[in-house]
N, C-alpha and C. Protein backbone atom coordinates (compact mmCIF):
# COMPACT_ATOMS: atom_id res chain seq x y z
N UNK A 1 186.01 101.11 80.69
CA UNK A 1 185.67 101.22 79.28
C UNK A 1 184.43 100.37 79.00
N UNK A 2 183.45 100.99 78.41
CA UNK A 2 182.21 100.27 78.10
C UNK A 2 182.42 99.36 76.89
N UNK A 3 181.64 98.31 76.86
CA UNK A 3 181.64 97.44 75.69
C UNK A 3 181.02 98.21 74.52
N UNK A 4 181.41 97.88 73.28
CA UNK A 4 180.87 98.62 72.12
C UNK A 4 179.35 98.65 72.07
N UNK A 5 178.71 97.53 72.39
CA UNK A 5 177.24 97.49 72.33
C UNK A 5 176.63 98.44 73.35
N UNK A 6 177.18 98.44 74.56
CA UNK A 6 176.68 99.33 75.60
C UNK A 6 176.90 100.79 75.21
N UNK A 7 178.06 101.07 74.61
CA UNK A 7 178.36 102.43 74.18
C UNK A 7 177.39 102.90 73.10
N UNK A 8 177.11 102.03 72.12
CA UNK A 8 176.21 102.40 71.02
C UNK A 8 174.78 102.61 71.49
N UNK A 9 174.37 101.89 72.53
CA UNK A 9 173.00 102.00 73.02
C UNK A 9 172.85 102.98 74.18
N UNK A 10 173.96 103.56 74.63
CA UNK A 10 173.88 104.51 75.74
C UNK A 10 173.11 105.75 75.32
N UNK A 11 172.36 106.35 76.26
CA UNK A 11 171.55 107.52 75.90
C UNK A 11 172.40 108.75 75.61
N UNK A 12 171.95 109.54 74.66
CA UNK A 12 172.64 110.78 74.28
C UNK A 12 171.60 111.88 74.11
N UNK A 13 172.06 113.10 74.26
CA UNK A 13 171.20 114.27 74.12
C UNK A 13 170.73 114.40 72.66
N UNK A 14 169.43 114.53 72.42
CA UNK A 14 168.95 114.62 71.04
C UNK A 14 169.10 116.00 70.39
N UNK A 15 169.39 117.04 71.18
CA UNK A 15 169.42 118.40 70.63
C UNK A 15 170.48 118.61 69.55
N UNK A 16 171.74 118.17 69.74
CA UNK A 16 172.73 118.37 68.66
C UNK A 16 172.35 117.63 67.37
N UNK A 17 171.73 116.47 67.51
CA UNK A 17 171.30 115.73 66.32
C UNK A 17 170.20 116.49 65.59
N UNK A 18 169.30 117.10 66.34
CA UNK A 18 168.24 117.90 65.73
C UNK A 18 168.82 119.13 65.05
N UNK A 19 169.81 119.75 65.67
CA UNK A 19 170.46 120.91 65.05
C UNK A 19 171.18 120.51 63.77
N UNK A 20 171.83 119.34 63.78
CA UNK A 20 172.47 118.84 62.57
C UNK A 20 171.43 118.60 61.49
N UNK A 21 170.29 118.01 61.87
CA UNK A 21 169.20 117.75 60.89
C UNK A 21 168.76 119.05 60.23
N UNK A 22 168.56 120.08 61.02
CA UNK A 22 168.09 121.34 60.47
C UNK A 22 169.15 121.99 59.58
N UNK A 23 170.40 122.02 60.05
CA UNK A 23 171.48 122.62 59.25
C UNK A 23 171.69 121.85 57.95
N UNK A 24 171.67 120.52 58.04
CA UNK A 24 171.87 119.68 56.85
C UNK A 24 170.78 119.96 55.82
N UNK A 25 169.56 120.06 56.27
CA UNK A 25 168.45 120.22 55.35
C UNK A 25 168.42 121.62 54.75
N UNK A 26 168.86 122.61 55.49
CA UNK A 26 168.96 123.95 54.90
C UNK A 26 169.96 123.90 53.73
N UNK A 27 171.07 123.21 53.93
CA UNK A 27 172.03 123.03 52.83
C UNK A 27 171.41 122.26 51.67
N UNK A 28 170.59 121.26 51.97
CA UNK A 28 169.95 120.47 50.92
C UNK A 28 168.89 121.28 50.18
N UNK A 29 168.25 122.21 50.86
CA UNK A 29 167.33 123.12 50.16
C UNK A 29 168.10 123.99 49.17
N UNK A 30 169.25 124.48 49.60
CA UNK A 30 170.09 125.27 48.69
C UNK A 30 170.58 124.41 47.53
N UNK A 31 170.92 123.15 47.81
CA UNK A 31 171.36 122.23 46.76
C UNK A 31 170.22 121.97 45.78
N UNK A 32 169.00 121.86 46.26
CA UNK A 32 167.84 121.66 45.38
C UNK A 32 167.65 122.85 44.45
N UNK A 33 167.84 124.04 45.00
CA UNK A 33 167.71 125.23 44.16
C UNK A 33 168.84 125.29 43.12
N UNK A 34 170.03 124.83 43.48
CA UNK A 34 171.13 124.76 42.51
C UNK A 34 170.80 123.75 41.41
N UNK A 35 170.20 122.62 41.78
CA UNK A 35 169.77 121.64 40.77
C UNK A 35 168.71 122.23 39.86
N UNK A 36 167.84 123.04 40.42
CA UNK A 36 166.80 123.67 39.61
C UNK A 36 167.43 124.60 38.57
N UNK A 37 168.47 125.32 38.95
CA UNK A 37 169.17 126.19 38.00
C UNK A 37 169.89 125.39 36.92
N UNK A 38 170.39 124.20 37.28
CA UNK A 38 171.10 123.36 36.31
C UNK A 38 170.17 122.53 35.43
N UNK A 39 168.95 122.35 35.86
CA UNK A 39 168.07 121.39 35.19
C UNK A 39 167.85 121.68 33.71
N UNK A 40 167.71 122.93 33.34
CA UNK A 40 167.44 123.26 31.94
C UNK A 40 168.61 122.90 31.04
N UNK A 41 169.83 123.07 31.51
CA UNK A 41 171.00 122.79 30.68
C UNK A 41 171.48 121.35 30.82
N UNK A 42 171.36 120.78 32.01
CA UNK A 42 171.93 119.45 32.24
C UNK A 42 170.97 118.31 31.92
N UNK A 43 169.70 118.51 32.18
CA UNK A 43 168.74 117.42 32.04
C UNK A 43 167.77 117.63 30.88
N UNK A 44 168.16 118.42 29.91
CA UNK A 44 167.29 118.64 28.75
C UNK A 44 167.10 117.31 28.02
N UNK A 45 165.87 116.96 27.66
CA UNK A 45 165.60 115.65 27.05
C UNK A 45 166.26 115.44 25.69
N UNK A 46 166.62 116.49 24.98
CA UNK A 46 167.22 116.33 23.66
C UNK A 46 168.73 116.14 23.71
N UNK A 47 169.33 116.21 24.88
CA UNK A 47 170.77 116.05 25.01
C UNK A 47 171.13 114.58 25.21
N UNK A 48 172.37 114.25 24.83
CA UNK A 48 172.89 112.92 25.11
C UNK A 48 173.30 112.87 26.58
N UNK A 49 172.93 111.79 27.27
CA UNK A 49 173.24 111.66 28.68
C UNK A 49 174.21 110.50 28.90
N UNK A 50 175.29 110.78 29.59
CA UNK A 50 176.25 109.75 29.95
C UNK A 50 175.73 109.02 31.18
N UNK A 51 175.92 107.70 31.20
CA UNK A 51 175.40 106.91 32.32
C UNK A 51 176.55 106.22 33.04
N UNK A 52 176.30 105.84 34.26
CA UNK A 52 177.25 105.07 35.05
C UNK A 52 177.13 103.60 34.66
N UNK A 53 178.23 102.88 34.75
CA UNK A 53 178.23 101.45 34.46
C UNK A 53 177.25 100.75 35.41
N UNK A 54 176.35 99.98 34.84
CA UNK A 54 175.35 99.27 35.63
C UNK A 54 174.10 100.08 35.91
N UNK A 55 174.13 101.36 35.58
CA UNK A 55 172.98 102.23 35.83
C UNK A 55 172.45 102.85 34.54
N UNK A 56 172.66 102.19 33.43
CA UNK A 56 172.18 102.74 32.16
C UNK A 56 170.66 102.77 32.09
N UNK A 57 170.01 102.02 32.94
CA UNK A 57 168.55 102.01 32.98
C UNK A 57 167.98 103.25 33.67
N UNK A 58 168.81 103.99 34.41
CA UNK A 58 168.35 105.22 35.06
C UNK A 58 168.47 106.35 34.07
N UNK A 59 167.37 106.97 33.76
CA UNK A 59 167.32 108.06 32.77
C UNK A 59 166.69 109.30 33.40
N UNK A 60 167.04 110.47 32.87
CA UNK A 60 166.33 111.68 33.33
C UNK A 60 164.87 111.60 32.92
N UNK A 61 164.03 112.30 33.61
CA UNK A 61 162.61 112.31 33.28
C UNK A 61 162.43 112.90 31.88
N UNK A 62 161.41 112.45 31.12
CA UNK A 62 161.29 112.82 29.71
C UNK A 62 161.01 114.29 29.43
N UNK A 63 160.34 114.98 30.32
CA UNK A 63 160.01 116.38 30.08
C UNK A 63 160.68 117.25 31.12
N UNK A 64 161.06 118.44 30.73
CA UNK A 64 161.76 119.34 31.64
C UNK A 64 160.89 119.74 32.83
N UNK A 65 159.59 119.90 32.61
CA UNK A 65 158.72 120.26 33.73
C UNK A 65 158.64 119.13 34.75
N UNK A 66 158.83 117.87 34.29
CA UNK A 66 158.83 116.74 35.22
C UNK A 66 160.11 116.75 36.06
N UNK A 67 161.23 117.15 35.45
CA UNK A 67 162.48 117.28 36.19
C UNK A 67 162.32 118.35 37.27
N UNK A 68 161.73 119.48 36.89
CA UNK A 68 161.51 120.55 37.86
C UNK A 68 160.53 120.12 38.95
N UNK A 69 159.53 119.35 38.59
CA UNK A 69 158.58 118.83 39.58
C UNK A 69 159.29 117.92 40.58
N UNK A 70 160.21 117.10 40.08
CA UNK A 70 160.98 116.23 40.98
C UNK A 70 161.84 117.06 41.94
N UNK A 71 162.42 118.14 41.45
CA UNK A 71 163.24 119.00 42.30
C UNK A 71 162.37 119.69 43.34
N UNK A 72 161.20 120.14 42.96
CA UNK A 72 160.29 120.75 43.93
C UNK A 72 159.83 119.73 44.98
N UNK A 73 159.62 118.48 44.57
CA UNK A 73 159.27 117.42 45.52
C UNK A 73 160.42 117.19 46.51
N UNK A 74 161.66 117.24 46.00
CA UNK A 74 162.81 117.10 46.89
C UNK A 74 162.90 118.28 47.85
N UNK A 75 162.63 119.48 47.37
CA UNK A 75 162.65 120.66 48.24
C UNK A 75 161.56 120.58 49.29
N UNK A 76 160.39 120.07 48.91
CA UNK A 76 159.30 119.89 49.86
C UNK A 76 159.67 118.84 50.91
N UNK A 77 160.32 117.77 50.46
CA UNK A 77 160.79 116.74 51.41
C UNK A 77 161.82 117.33 52.36
N UNK A 78 162.71 118.16 51.85
CA UNK A 78 163.72 118.81 52.70
C UNK A 78 163.06 119.72 53.72
N UNK A 79 162.03 120.44 53.31
CA UNK A 79 161.31 121.30 54.25
C UNK A 79 160.63 120.47 55.34
N UNK A 80 160.07 119.33 54.97
CA UNK A 80 159.44 118.44 55.95
C UNK A 80 160.48 117.90 56.94
N UNK A 81 161.67 117.58 56.44
CA UNK A 81 162.74 117.11 57.33
C UNK A 81 163.13 118.22 58.29
N UNK A 82 163.28 119.43 57.79
CA UNK A 82 163.67 120.56 58.63
C UNK A 82 162.63 120.82 59.71
N UNK A 83 161.36 120.72 59.36
CA UNK A 83 160.29 120.94 60.33
C UNK A 83 160.12 119.75 61.26
N UNK A 84 160.66 118.60 60.87
CA UNK A 84 160.58 117.42 61.72
C UNK A 84 159.21 116.76 61.70
N UNK A 85 158.60 116.74 60.55
CA UNK A 85 157.32 116.05 60.40
C UNK A 85 157.44 115.09 59.23
N UNK A 86 157.17 113.83 59.48
CA UNK A 86 157.37 112.81 58.43
C UNK A 86 158.83 112.70 58.03
N UNK A 87 159.71 112.78 59.01
CA UNK A 87 161.15 112.84 58.73
C UNK A 87 161.66 111.62 57.97
N UNK A 88 161.28 110.45 58.40
CA UNK A 88 161.82 109.24 57.75
C UNK A 88 161.39 109.10 56.31
N UNK A 89 160.09 109.19 55.99
CA UNK A 89 159.74 109.11 54.57
C UNK A 89 160.29 110.27 53.75
N UNK A 90 160.38 111.45 54.37
CA UNK A 90 160.92 112.60 53.64
C UNK A 90 162.41 112.41 53.35
N UNK A 91 163.15 111.83 54.29
CA UNK A 91 164.57 111.53 54.04
C UNK A 91 164.72 110.53 52.91
N UNK A 92 163.88 109.52 52.91
CA UNK A 92 163.92 108.51 51.85
C UNK A 92 163.58 109.13 50.50
N UNK A 93 162.57 109.99 50.46
CA UNK A 93 162.18 110.65 49.22
C UNK A 93 163.30 111.55 48.71
N UNK A 94 163.91 112.35 49.60
CA UNK A 94 164.98 113.24 49.17
C UNK A 94 166.18 112.43 48.68
N UNK A 95 166.57 111.40 49.43
CA UNK A 95 167.73 110.59 49.04
C UNK A 95 167.47 109.88 47.70
N UNK A 96 166.26 109.37 47.51
CA UNK A 96 165.94 108.69 46.24
C UNK A 96 165.94 109.68 45.08
N UNK A 97 165.38 110.86 45.28
CA UNK A 97 165.39 111.88 44.22
C UNK A 97 166.79 112.32 43.88
N UNK A 98 167.61 112.52 44.90
CA UNK A 98 168.99 112.95 44.65
C UNK A 98 169.79 111.84 43.97
N UNK A 99 169.54 110.59 44.38
CA UNK A 99 170.21 109.46 43.73
C UNK A 99 169.79 109.37 42.26
N UNK A 100 168.53 109.67 41.97
CA UNK A 100 168.08 109.65 40.59
C UNK A 100 168.86 110.67 39.76
N UNK A 101 169.03 111.87 40.31
CA UNK A 101 169.81 112.89 39.59
C UNK A 101 171.26 112.48 39.42
N UNK A 102 171.83 111.88 40.45
CA UNK A 102 173.23 111.46 40.36
C UNK A 102 173.41 110.39 39.29
N UNK A 103 172.58 109.36 39.31
CA UNK A 103 172.77 108.23 38.42
C UNK A 103 172.21 108.44 37.01
N UNK A 104 171.44 109.52 36.80
CA UNK A 104 170.91 109.74 35.46
C UNK A 104 171.84 110.58 34.59
N UNK A 105 172.87 111.18 35.16
CA UNK A 105 173.81 111.98 34.38
C UNK A 105 175.21 111.89 34.96
N UNK A 106 176.05 111.06 34.34
CA UNK A 106 177.41 110.86 34.84
C UNK A 106 178.31 112.06 34.57
N UNK A 107 177.95 112.91 33.62
CA UNK A 107 178.78 114.07 33.30
C UNK A 107 178.77 115.09 34.43
N UNK A 108 177.79 115.02 35.30
CA UNK A 108 177.67 115.95 36.42
C UNK A 108 178.22 115.34 37.71
N UNK A 109 179.08 114.35 37.61
CA UNK A 109 179.57 113.60 38.77
C UNK A 109 180.39 114.47 39.72
N UNK A 110 180.14 114.29 40.99
CA UNK A 110 180.94 114.86 42.06
C UNK A 110 180.89 113.85 43.20
N UNK A 111 182.04 113.49 43.76
CA UNK A 111 182.04 112.44 44.79
C UNK A 111 181.26 112.84 46.04
N UNK A 112 181.03 114.10 46.27
CA UNK A 112 180.25 114.51 47.43
C UNK A 112 178.76 114.20 47.26
N UNK A 113 178.32 113.96 46.04
CA UNK A 113 176.92 113.61 45.83
C UNK A 113 176.57 112.29 46.50
N UNK A 114 177.51 111.34 46.48
CA UNK A 114 177.29 110.09 47.20
C UNK A 114 177.11 110.36 48.69
N UNK A 115 177.94 111.23 49.23
CA UNK A 115 177.86 111.56 50.64
C UNK A 115 176.51 112.19 50.98
N UNK A 116 176.02 113.05 50.11
CA UNK A 116 174.71 113.67 50.34
C UNK A 116 173.62 112.60 50.42
N UNK A 117 173.65 111.65 49.50
CA UNK A 117 172.66 110.57 49.50
C UNK A 117 172.78 109.73 50.76
N UNK A 118 174.00 109.35 51.12
CA UNK A 118 174.20 108.49 52.29
C UNK A 118 173.81 109.19 53.59
N UNK A 119 174.25 110.42 53.76
CA UNK A 119 173.92 111.14 55.00
C UNK A 119 172.41 111.34 55.12
N UNK A 120 171.76 111.71 54.04
CA UNK A 120 170.31 111.91 54.10
C UNK A 120 169.58 110.60 54.40
N UNK A 121 170.01 109.53 53.76
CA UNK A 121 169.39 108.22 54.03
C UNK A 121 169.61 107.81 55.48
N UNK A 122 170.86 107.95 55.97
CA UNK A 122 171.15 107.57 57.35
C UNK A 122 170.45 108.48 58.35
N UNK A 123 170.26 109.73 58.00
CA UNK A 123 169.53 110.65 58.87
C UNK A 123 168.09 110.16 59.07
N UNK A 124 167.55 109.53 58.04
CA UNK A 124 166.21 108.96 58.15
C UNK A 124 166.15 107.75 59.07
N UNK A 125 167.28 107.11 59.32
CA UNK A 125 167.31 105.97 60.24
C UNK A 125 167.44 106.41 61.70
N UNK A 126 167.85 107.64 61.92
CA UNK A 126 168.05 108.12 63.28
C UNK A 126 166.77 108.71 63.84
N UNK A 127 166.83 109.09 65.11
CA UNK A 127 165.69 109.75 65.75
C UNK A 127 165.99 111.24 65.87
N UNK A 128 166.37 111.84 64.76
CA UNK A 128 166.75 113.25 64.75
C UNK A 128 165.58 114.18 64.98
N UNK A 129 164.37 113.66 64.88
CA UNK A 129 163.18 114.49 65.10
C UNK A 129 162.64 114.35 66.52
N UNK A 130 163.49 113.88 67.43
CA UNK A 130 163.07 113.69 68.82
C UNK A 130 162.86 115.03 69.54
N UNK A 131 163.53 116.07 69.09
CA UNK A 131 163.37 117.40 69.66
C UNK A 131 163.51 118.44 68.55
N UNK A 132 163.10 119.65 68.80
CA UNK A 132 163.14 120.74 67.81
C UNK A 132 162.42 120.33 66.53
N UNK A 133 161.24 119.77 66.69
CA UNK A 133 160.47 119.33 65.53
C UNK A 133 158.98 119.45 65.82
N UNK A 134 158.20 119.46 64.77
CA UNK A 134 156.74 119.47 64.95
C UNK A 134 156.26 118.18 65.58
N UNK A 135 156.91 117.09 65.24
CA UNK A 135 156.55 115.79 65.83
C UNK A 135 156.69 115.84 67.35
N UNK A 136 157.81 116.37 67.83
CA UNK A 136 158.04 116.47 69.27
C UNK A 136 157.06 117.46 69.90
N UNK A 137 156.77 118.54 69.18
CA UNK A 137 155.83 119.54 69.70
C UNK A 137 154.44 118.94 69.90
N UNK A 138 153.96 118.20 68.91
CA UNK A 138 152.63 117.59 69.03
C UNK A 138 152.62 116.48 70.08
N UNK A 139 153.71 115.75 70.20
CA UNK A 139 153.80 114.69 71.21
C UNK A 139 153.78 115.32 72.60
N UNK A 140 154.47 116.45 72.76
CA UNK A 140 154.51 117.14 74.05
C UNK A 140 153.12 117.65 74.43
N UNK A 141 152.35 118.10 73.44
CA UNK A 141 150.99 118.58 73.72
C UNK A 141 150.08 117.44 74.17
N UNK A 142 150.29 116.25 73.59
CA UNK A 142 149.46 115.10 73.97
C UNK A 142 149.80 114.61 75.36
N UNK A 143 151.08 114.63 75.71
CA UNK A 143 151.52 114.13 77.01
C UNK A 143 152.06 115.30 77.82
N UNK A 144 151.35 115.65 78.84
CA UNK A 144 151.76 116.79 79.67
C UNK A 144 153.05 116.51 80.43
N UNK A 145 153.34 115.23 80.71
CA UNK A 145 154.54 114.89 81.48
C UNK A 145 155.79 114.78 80.60
N UNK A 146 155.66 114.95 79.30
CA UNK A 146 156.81 114.81 78.39
C UNK A 146 157.49 116.15 78.16
N UNK A 147 157.87 116.81 79.25
CA UNK A 147 158.52 118.12 79.13
C UNK A 147 159.94 117.98 78.56
N UNK A 148 160.63 116.93 78.95
CA UNK A 148 161.98 116.70 78.47
C UNK A 148 161.94 115.73 77.28
N UNK A 149 162.71 116.01 76.23
CA UNK A 149 162.74 115.06 75.11
C UNK A 149 163.46 113.77 75.53
N UNK A 150 163.01 112.68 74.98
CA UNK A 150 163.64 111.40 75.28
C UNK A 150 165.04 111.36 74.68
N UNK A 151 166.00 110.78 75.40
CA UNK A 151 167.34 110.68 74.83
C UNK A 151 167.35 109.73 73.63
N UNK A 152 168.31 109.91 72.76
CA UNK A 152 168.46 109.03 71.60
C UNK A 152 169.65 108.11 71.86
N UNK A 153 169.66 106.92 71.28
CA UNK A 153 170.83 106.06 71.43
C UNK A 153 172.05 106.68 70.75
N UNK A 154 173.21 106.45 71.32
CA UNK A 154 174.43 107.06 70.81
C UNK A 154 174.73 106.63 69.37
N UNK A 155 174.24 105.47 68.94
CA UNK A 155 174.51 105.02 67.57
C UNK A 155 173.95 106.01 66.54
N UNK A 156 172.95 106.81 66.93
CA UNK A 156 172.41 107.82 66.03
C UNK A 156 173.49 108.81 65.61
N UNK A 157 174.39 109.12 66.53
CA UNK A 157 175.53 109.98 66.21
C UNK A 157 176.63 109.18 65.52
N UNK A 158 176.86 107.97 66.04
CA UNK A 158 177.96 107.15 65.54
C UNK A 158 177.82 106.80 64.07
N UNK A 159 176.61 106.52 63.62
CA UNK A 159 176.41 106.10 62.23
C UNK A 159 176.71 107.25 61.26
N UNK A 160 176.36 108.47 61.65
CA UNK A 160 176.66 109.63 60.80
C UNK A 160 178.16 109.96 60.83
N UNK A 161 178.75 109.90 62.00
CA UNK A 161 180.19 110.16 62.12
C UNK A 161 180.99 109.13 61.34
N UNK A 162 180.61 107.87 61.46
CA UNK A 162 181.34 106.80 60.76
C UNK A 162 181.29 107.00 59.26
N UNK A 163 180.14 107.39 58.74
CA UNK A 163 180.03 107.59 57.29
C UNK A 163 180.93 108.71 56.81
N UNK A 164 180.97 109.81 57.55
CA UNK A 164 181.83 110.94 57.16
C UNK A 164 183.30 110.53 57.26
N UNK A 165 183.65 109.79 58.32
CA UNK A 165 185.03 109.33 58.48
C UNK A 165 185.43 108.42 57.32
N UNK A 166 184.56 107.49 56.93
CA UNK A 166 184.88 106.57 55.83
C UNK A 166 185.10 107.34 54.53
N UNK A 167 184.21 108.26 54.22
CA UNK A 167 184.32 109.01 52.96
C UNK A 167 185.61 109.82 52.93
N UNK A 168 185.90 110.53 54.00
CA UNK A 168 187.10 111.37 53.99
C UNK A 168 188.38 110.57 54.17
N UNK A 169 188.33 109.41 54.80
CA UNK A 169 189.50 108.54 54.88
C UNK A 169 189.87 108.03 53.49
N UNK A 170 188.89 107.57 52.73
CA UNK A 170 189.16 107.11 51.37
C UNK A 170 189.62 108.26 50.48
N UNK A 171 189.07 109.45 50.69
CA UNK A 171 189.52 110.61 49.91
C UNK A 171 190.97 110.93 50.23
N UNK A 172 191.35 110.83 51.49
CA UNK A 172 192.75 111.09 51.88
C UNK A 172 193.68 110.05 51.27
N UNK A 173 193.25 108.78 51.29
CA UNK A 173 194.07 107.72 50.71
C UNK A 173 194.22 107.94 49.20
N UNK A 174 193.15 108.35 48.55
CA UNK A 174 193.23 108.61 47.10
C UNK A 174 194.16 109.77 46.79
N UNK A 175 194.24 110.74 47.65
CA UNK A 175 195.11 111.89 47.41
C UNK A 175 196.57 111.58 47.69
N UNK A 176 196.84 110.55 48.48
CA UNK A 176 198.22 110.16 48.78
C UNK A 176 198.90 109.61 47.52
N UNK A 177 198.19 108.77 46.80
CA UNK A 177 198.78 108.16 45.60
C UNK A 177 198.84 109.19 44.48
N UNK A 178 199.83 109.07 43.64
CA UNK A 178 199.95 110.01 42.54
C UNK A 178 199.12 109.52 41.38
């Protein structure tokens, strides 16, 4: 049995992580389009907005076109993540934009929104763009000997798995109690 540190740093195949990145971002593109459909009714500037405790300073953008612009920026960030170019800043931009939508309107609360923010943020910490990405394609063109993608540390998988386990464990515990 390996020590935890050795296990977390052991090399792993980057392809499943890249496939997860692409699948996740396709879902986030669909989520962005759903937000775009909701924006006119949910984030209208003349409506009263409920806020989360401690987040009353987070407000929807003042004009509806600015809300739509933010959603398009999130969709553009999601496309960049899917293509694997500028993945880390794009993950941060998408997670920040989605967090803004979550914290600016408490009436639209869904506990999975936290998971979307966390997974996207954590995806930006991983090396999910090591293969099946434009970044890897351009790196391969520069280096003729880089035919095989470099392995990623196993913690790249572990951090995403742990987050999903934590969220669903707490959800299961909450459902046990009446």
